[in-house]
Protein backbone atom coordinates (compact mmCIF):
# COMPACT_ATOMS: atom_id res chain seq x y z
CA MET A 1 130.79 131.78 -22.99
CA ARG A 2 134.16 132.84 -21.68
CA TRP A 3 132.69 136.12 -20.39
CA ARG A 4 129.72 134.30 -18.94
CA ALA A 5 132.01 131.86 -17.11
CA PHE A 6 134.06 134.73 -15.79
CA GLY A 7 130.90 136.40 -14.52
CA VAL A 8 129.80 133.26 -12.74
CA LEU A 9 133.21 132.90 -11.14
CA ALA A 10 133.11 136.52 -10.06
CA LEU A 11 129.71 136.06 -8.44
CA VAL A 12 130.93 132.95 -6.69
CA ALA A 13 134.00 134.79 -5.44
CA ILE A 14 131.88 137.69 -4.16
CA ALA A 15 129.46 135.33 -2.47
CA THR A 16 132.33 133.41 -0.92
CA ALA A 17 133.90 136.61 0.30
CA ARG A 18 130.59 137.69 1.84
CA CYS A 19 130.23 134.35 3.57
CA ASP A 20 133.77 134.59 4.87
CA SER A 21 133.16 138.13 6.05
CA ALA A 22 129.93 137.10 7.74
CA GLY A 23 131.75 134.29 9.51
CA GLU A 24 134.45 136.65 10.64
CA GLY A 25 131.80 138.99 12.02
CA ARG A 26 130.23 136.21 14.00
CA VAL A 27 133.59 135.15 15.44
CA LEU A 28 134.39 138.73 16.40
CA GLU A 29 130.96 139.17 17.97
CA ILE A 30 131.37 136.07 20.11
CA SER A 31 134.95 136.79 21.19
CA ALA A 32 134.28 140.48 21.91
CA THR A 33 132.26 139.68 25.02
CA GLY A 34 132.97 138.17 28.40
CA ILE A 35 131.25 136.73 31.47
CA VAL A 36 130.96 138.21 34.95
CA LYS A 37 129.85 135.77 37.63
CA GLY A 38 130.09 135.46 41.38
CA LEU A 39 128.67 134.72 44.81
CA VAL A 40 126.63 136.70 47.33
CA TYR A 41 126.91 135.35 50.89
CA LEU A 42 126.12 136.32 54.47
CA ASP A 43 129.26 136.39 56.62
CA ARG A 44 127.89 135.10 59.93
CA ASN A 45 131.13 134.98 61.91
CA GLY A 46 132.62 138.28 60.80
CA ASN A 47 135.89 136.90 59.44
CA ARG A 48 135.23 138.26 55.92
CA GLN A 49 135.95 134.86 54.38
CA VAL A 50 133.63 132.27 52.90
CA ASP A 51 133.51 129.27 55.25
CA GLY A 52 131.18 126.70 56.76
CA ALA A 53 129.66 129.19 59.22
CA ASP A 54 128.25 131.32 56.43
CA THR A 55 125.06 131.13 54.35
CA VAL A 56 124.31 132.20 50.80
CA LEU A 57 121.85 134.93 49.90
CA ARG A 58 119.19 134.56 47.26
CA GLY A 59 117.45 137.35 45.36
CA VAL A 60 120.14 140.00 45.72
CA ARG A 61 120.26 142.18 42.60
CA VAL A 62 123.67 142.74 41.04
CA ARG A 63 124.20 145.43 38.42
CA LEU A 64 127.00 146.21 35.98
CA ILE A 65 127.24 149.92 35.32
CA GLY A 66 129.46 151.37 32.61
CA VAL A 67 132.36 153.33 34.10
CA GLY A 68 131.80 157.04 33.66
CA THR A 69 128.11 156.56 32.93
CA LEU A 70 124.90 155.92 34.80
CA ASP A 71 123.88 153.24 32.33
CA THR A 72 123.13 149.76 33.64
CA ALA A 73 124.66 147.35 31.15
CA ALA A 74 123.22 144.27 32.87
CA SER A 75 121.15 143.36 35.93
CA VAL A 76 120.70 139.89 37.46
CA GLN A 77 119.65 138.38 40.79
CA SER A 78 121.52 135.81 42.85
CA ASP A 79 120.00 132.34 42.70
CA SER A 80 119.20 129.83 45.43
CA ALA A 81 122.91 128.97 45.73
CA GLY A 82 123.85 132.64 46.09
CA GLY A 83 125.40 132.65 42.63
CA PHE A 84 124.91 135.08 39.78
CA ARG A 85 126.05 135.03 36.13
CA VAL A 86 126.04 137.79 33.54
CA PRO A 87 126.82 136.39 30.05
CA ASN A 88 127.70 138.33 26.89
CA VAL A 89 129.10 141.33 28.68
CA PRO A 90 130.61 143.70 26.09
CA ILE A 91 134.27 144.56 26.43
CA GLY A 92 134.92 147.56 28.62
CA SER A 93 135.06 148.74 32.24
CA PHE A 94 132.13 148.29 34.60
CA VAL A 95 131.30 149.13 38.19
CA VAL A 96 129.84 146.19 40.13
CA ALA A 97 126.95 147.42 42.29
CA LEU A 98 124.51 145.67 44.63
CA ASP A 99 120.98 146.93 45.06
CA THR A 100 120.94 147.43 48.84
CA THR A 101 117.15 147.35 48.93
CA THR A 102 117.35 143.63 48.17
CA ILE A 103 119.57 142.74 51.16
CA GLY A 104 117.40 144.14 53.98
CA ASP A 105 118.03 146.89 56.48
CA THR A 106 119.84 144.95 59.22
CA VAL A 107 122.89 143.96 57.17
CA ARG A 108 125.04 145.81 54.71
CA LEU A 109 127.50 145.24 51.90
CA ILE A 110 130.85 144.90 53.66
CA GLN A 111 133.12 144.28 50.71
CA LEU A 112 133.33 143.28 47.06
CA SER A 113 136.31 141.28 45.89
CA ALA A 114 136.25 143.59 42.85
CA ALA A 115 134.28 146.83 42.87
CA GLN A 116 135.20 147.42 39.23
CA VAL A 117 135.91 144.93 36.46
CA VAL A 118 137.56 145.31 33.06
CA VAL A 119 136.06 142.85 30.59
CA ARG A 120 138.25 141.72 27.70
CA PRO A 121 137.32 139.34 24.87
CA GLY A 122 136.69 135.86 26.24
CA ASP A 123 137.10 136.84 29.91
CA SER A 124 135.34 134.98 32.72
CA LEU A 125 135.56 137.15 35.82
CA THR A 126 134.46 136.22 39.35
CA VAL A 127 133.25 138.66 42.01
CA THR A 128 132.43 137.77 45.63
CA ALA A 129 130.04 140.01 47.58
CA THR A 130 130.30 139.86 51.37
CA ILE A 131 127.12 140.84 53.23
CA SER A 132 127.33 141.12 57.00
CA PHE A 133 126.91 143.26 60.09
CA PRO A 134 129.26 146.20 60.69
CA ALA A 135 132.33 145.72 62.88
CA VAL A 136 132.83 148.52 65.42
CA THR A 137 134.91 149.32 68.48
CA VAL A 138 133.42 148.84 71.92
CA ARG A 139 133.25 152.60 72.40
CA ALA A 140 131.36 152.98 69.12
CA ALA A 141 128.99 150.16 70.08
CA ARG A 142 128.21 151.90 73.36
CA GLN A 143 127.25 155.05 71.45
CA LEU A 144 124.96 153.39 68.91
CA PRO A 145 121.16 153.53 69.21
CA ALA A 146 119.46 150.46 70.63
CA GLY A 147 118.63 147.70 68.18
CA ARG A 148 121.79 147.71 66.04
CA LYS A 149 123.41 144.36 65.40
CA VAL A 150 127.20 144.66 65.30
CA PHE A 151 130.44 142.75 65.59
CA VAL A 152 132.95 143.80 68.26
CA GLN A 153 136.31 142.24 68.95
CA GLY A 154 138.38 142.28 72.11
CA ILE A 155 139.42 140.41 75.23
CA LEU A 156 136.88 138.54 77.32
CA LEU A 157 137.07 139.88 80.87
CA SER A 158 134.48 137.49 82.26
CA PRO A 159 132.88 134.58 80.37
CA ARG A 160 129.31 133.35 80.52
CA PRO A 161 129.82 130.75 83.30
CA ALA A 162 131.70 133.10 85.66
CA PHE A 163 128.68 134.33 87.63
CA GLY A 164 126.24 131.50 86.98
CA ASP A 165 124.08 133.59 84.67
CA THR A 166 124.25 134.64 81.02
CA THR A 167 126.30 137.81 81.49
CA GLY A 168 129.89 138.56 80.60
CA HIS A 169 132.25 141.48 80.01
CA LEU A 170 134.41 142.47 77.05
CA ALA A 171 137.07 145.12 76.57
CA ASP A 172 139.13 146.46 73.70
CA THR A 173 141.55 149.38 73.69
CA SER A 174 138.68 151.88 73.54
CA ALA A 175 136.32 150.80 76.36
CA ALA A 176 134.53 147.91 78.07
CA ILE A 177 130.96 146.69 77.81
CA ARG A 178 128.68 144.27 79.62
CA LEU A 179 127.25 141.33 77.69
CA THR A 180 123.77 139.97 78.39
CA ARG A 181 122.05 136.78 77.29
CA MET A 182 125.26 135.27 76.01
CA ARG A 183 124.55 132.10 74.08
CA ALA A 184 125.87 128.94 75.63
CA ALA A 185 128.30 127.76 72.96
CA PRO A 186 131.03 128.03 72.02
CA VAL A 187 132.62 128.90 75.34
CA ALA A 188 135.69 131.08 75.71
CA GLY A 189 137.60 131.73 78.93
CA ILE A 190 138.91 134.72 80.84
CA GLY A 191 141.51 136.58 78.79
CA ASP A 192 140.64 134.94 75.48
CA SER A 193 140.49 137.01 72.34
CA VAL A 194 136.98 136.83 70.87
CA ARG A 195 134.72 138.32 68.23
CA LEU A 196 131.14 138.88 69.34
CA LEU A 197 127.93 139.48 67.46
CA GLY A 198 125.35 141.25 69.58
CA LEU A 199 122.45 143.67 69.65
CA THR A 200 123.00 147.13 71.13
CA THR A 201 120.72 147.88 74.04
CA THR A 202 120.77 149.32 77.56
CA ARG A 203 120.45 147.76 80.98
CA ASP A 204 120.62 149.45 84.37
CA GLY A 205 121.16 152.70 82.52
CA GLN A 206 124.30 151.52 80.76
CA ALA A 207 125.01 150.39 77.20
CA THR A 208 125.18 146.63 76.76
CA LEU A 209 125.36 144.03 74.03
CA ASP A 210 122.46 141.57 74.15
CA ASP A 211 121.80 138.12 72.66
CA VAL A 212 125.52 137.63 72.17
CA VAL A 213 127.11 135.04 69.89
CA THR A 214 130.75 134.32 70.75
CA ILE A 215 133.39 133.46 68.14
CA PRO A 216 136.60 132.42 69.96
CA LEU A 217 139.83 133.63 68.34
CA GLY A 218 142.28 132.03 70.78
CA PRO A 219 144.29 132.95 73.87
CA SER A 220 145.63 136.48 74.25
CA GLY A 221 147.93 138.29 76.63
CA GLY A 222 144.92 139.07 78.83
CA ALA A 223 143.81 142.47 80.04
CA LEU A 224 145.46 144.57 82.71
CA PRO A 225 143.08 146.05 85.29
CA THR A 226 142.78 149.79 85.81
CA VAL A 227 143.95 150.79 89.29
CA VAL A 228 141.30 152.82 91.12
CA SER A 229 140.45 153.83 94.66
CA ALA A 230 137.42 152.46 96.49
CA ALA A 231 135.59 155.71 95.75
CA GLY A 232 136.58 155.45 92.07
CA ALA A 233 135.21 151.91 91.90
CA ARG A 234 132.01 152.99 93.61
CA SER A 235 131.29 155.55 90.87
CA ALA A 236 133.13 153.69 88.07
CA ASN A 237 135.01 156.98 87.70
CA GLY A 238 131.80 158.77 86.87
CA GLY A 239 130.57 155.90 84.71
CA ALA A 240 133.61 155.95 82.40
CA LEU A 241 134.72 152.55 83.75
CA ASP A 242 131.36 150.80 83.49
CA ALA A 243 131.99 147.07 82.84
CA ALA A 244 135.75 147.58 83.09
CA LEU A 245 138.27 145.39 84.89
CA VAL A 246 139.69 147.30 87.87
CA PHE A 247 142.02 146.74 90.81
CA VAL A 248 141.46 148.18 94.26
CA GLY A 249 144.32 147.71 96.72
CA ASP A 250 144.79 147.94 100.45
CA VAL A 251 141.16 148.42 101.34
CA THR A 252 139.67 147.44 104.68
CA ILE A 253 136.66 145.18 104.97
CA VAL A 254 134.24 147.14 107.17
CA ASP A 255 131.22 144.84 106.87
CA THR A 256 130.14 141.44 105.52
CA ALA A 257 126.74 139.97 104.73
CA THR A 258 125.29 136.84 103.17
CA VAL A 259 122.94 137.73 100.32
CA PRO A 260 120.83 135.71 97.83
CA GLY A 261 122.80 134.42 94.86
CA THR A 262 122.52 136.25 91.56
CA GLY A 263 123.11 133.28 89.28
CA VAL A 264 120.39 131.48 87.35
CA THR A 265 122.11 128.12 86.91
CA PRO A 266 121.70 125.46 89.62
CA PRO A 267 122.38 124.89 92.39
CA PRO A 268 120.76 127.85 94.22
CA THR A 269 123.45 129.79 96.00
CA SER A 270 124.15 132.48 98.51
CA ASP A 271 126.81 135.10 97.82
CA ARG A 272 129.00 137.04 100.25
CA ARG A 273 128.85 140.83 100.10
CA LEU A 274 131.77 142.82 101.43
CA THR A 275 131.72 146.52 102.11
CA VAL A 276 135.23 147.91 101.75
CA ASP A 277 136.92 151.30 101.95
CA SER A 278 140.36 152.84 101.82
CA THR A 279 139.41 155.04 104.77
CA PRO A 280 136.92 153.09 106.93
CA ALA A 281 135.71 156.18 108.76
CA ASP A 282 134.70 157.85 105.49
CA THR A 283 131.45 156.12 104.54
CA ALA A 284 131.05 158.14 101.31
CA GLY A 285 133.88 156.23 99.65
CA ARG A 286 132.73 152.72 100.45
CA VAL A 287 132.16 150.21 97.67
CA GLU A 288 130.54 146.77 97.62
CA VAL A 289 132.53 143.71 96.60
CA LEU A 290 130.31 140.76 95.70
CA LEU A 291 131.91 137.34 96.11
CA ASP A 292 129.82 135.16 93.82
CA ALA A 293 129.47 131.51 94.78
CA HIS A 294 129.57 130.53 91.09
CA ALA A 295 133.04 132.08 90.89
CA GLY A 296 134.23 129.69 93.60
CA PHE A 297 133.61 131.79 96.71
CA THR A 298 132.06 129.09 98.91
CA GLY A 299 132.84 127.16 102.11
CA LEU A 300 136.32 127.58 103.56
CA VAL A 301 137.32 129.96 100.76
CA LEU A 302 135.24 132.61 102.54
CA ALA A 303 136.94 132.18 105.92
CA PRO A 304 139.58 134.95 105.52
CA PHE A 305 137.07 137.61 104.45
CA LEU A 306 136.37 139.08 107.86
CA PRO A 307 135.78 142.64 109.08
CA ASP A 308 138.99 144.65 109.63
CA SER A 309 140.91 142.45 107.17
CA VAL A 310 142.87 144.23 104.45
CA LEU A 311 141.98 143.24 100.90
CA ASN A 312 143.47 143.49 97.42
CA VAL A 313 140.77 142.82 94.84
CA THR A 314 140.39 142.70 91.07
CA GLY A 315 137.03 142.48 89.34
CA VAL A 316 134.57 143.86 86.84
CA LEU A 317 132.32 146.80 87.66
CA VAL A 318 128.57 146.18 87.54
CA PRO A 319 125.88 148.88 88.03
CA ALA A 320 124.19 148.65 91.43
CA GLY A 321 121.70 151.48 90.99
CA GLY A 322 121.65 155.03 92.31
CA GLY A 323 124.81 155.99 90.46
CA ARG A 324 126.80 153.28 92.24
CA TRP A 325 128.73 150.26 90.97
CA ARG A 326 129.77 147.07 92.72
CA LEU A 327 132.95 145.13 92.06
CA LYS A 328 132.72 141.44 91.18
CA PRO A 329 135.82 139.21 91.32
CA ARG A 330 135.73 136.57 88.55
CA ILE A 331 137.78 133.82 90.21
CA VAL A 332 139.02 133.12 93.71
CA SER A 333 142.53 134.48 93.01
CA ASP A 334 140.99 137.88 92.17
CA ALA A 335 140.42 138.56 95.90
CA VAL A 336 143.32 138.22 98.32
CA VAL A 337 143.27 139.04 102.03
CA ARG A 338 146.68 140.28 103.23
C-alpha cells in the first residue's frame, strides 16, 4: 500500500508538473508576440502631418517582411477608417512595406513614420503611412511631362484676382511658373508664401501649372524683380524668364492703345497697352506693357501714361506669341512715370 500510494503521488506530481509546464508554454506563447497597427492617409495639403484637410485611404495593403528575408510575415489591408492592425506578430525585426499597386498611379508613398519595426514581447507599435503627391521645385515642375500632379512651394508673384481671370504667377529660388485655373479659395496676396497643388501642362508654348489649389503659408519677404532691358523683357531672356517678375527702368513710351480687357470677371473692361523701348528709334527692342484695368489701371490713373513719357515698370512676363512676351504690372505702384 505504501508503494502504491507513493506511485499515485508520483503520477500526480508528474501530471501537475506537465500542467504547470503547459501553462508556462501558453504564457510564453502569448507574451512572445506583439501588435503592429497604424493609419494610411492621403495628405491633401502637402504638410506631411495628419490634420483636418486630409482623408483616410481604404484598401491599401500593408505587409510585414522579415528583415534579411523576402518572407511576408503578415499582410493586411487598411479599413474604412484608414486603419490597419496586425496581431500576434512574432518577436523580431520587420520591414513595413506598402503595396503600391493598391494606392493608384497618381499618388505615391511619401513617408512612413517607421520603415522598420522591432517587435518585442507584448509590444504595440504604431506606424503612420503618408500618401500624397510629390513635392518638387518650380524648375523641376516645368520639366515634367504634362499630366503630373505635384506640390510646389514659393512666393506668389501675382494672385488670382490680380488680372480679373484665374491666372497667377509663382516663383521659388529655381524659376517661375504661370498658374492657370486657380481655384477661388483660399486667397493669398502678392508676396505671400504658399504651397500649391497643380497639374503640369503647357499653355502658349510654356510650362504651366493648371487647376491650382492654393495653401497659404503666411507673409514672406516678397520677391525681388530681375532687372532687364526692354529687349530682354520682350524675349524673356530667350524664354528663361517666362512668368518671372522683372523690372525695366528708364524706358520711353512710344505708343499707347486701348485694347479689350483680358479678364473674365465682371465688369467688362478695357486695358491700356503701352509700347516702350530703351532706344525709341530701335523698333526691334520694343516691348508691350499691358496696364490691366483689374489691377487698378482705370480713369485718372492712366493720365500720366502718355507717349514720350519715361517709365519705370515692374511686372510679370506673359507669352504674347511669336517668341515675344509682354510685361504686366500687378498693381498701380508697379508702373511709375518719371
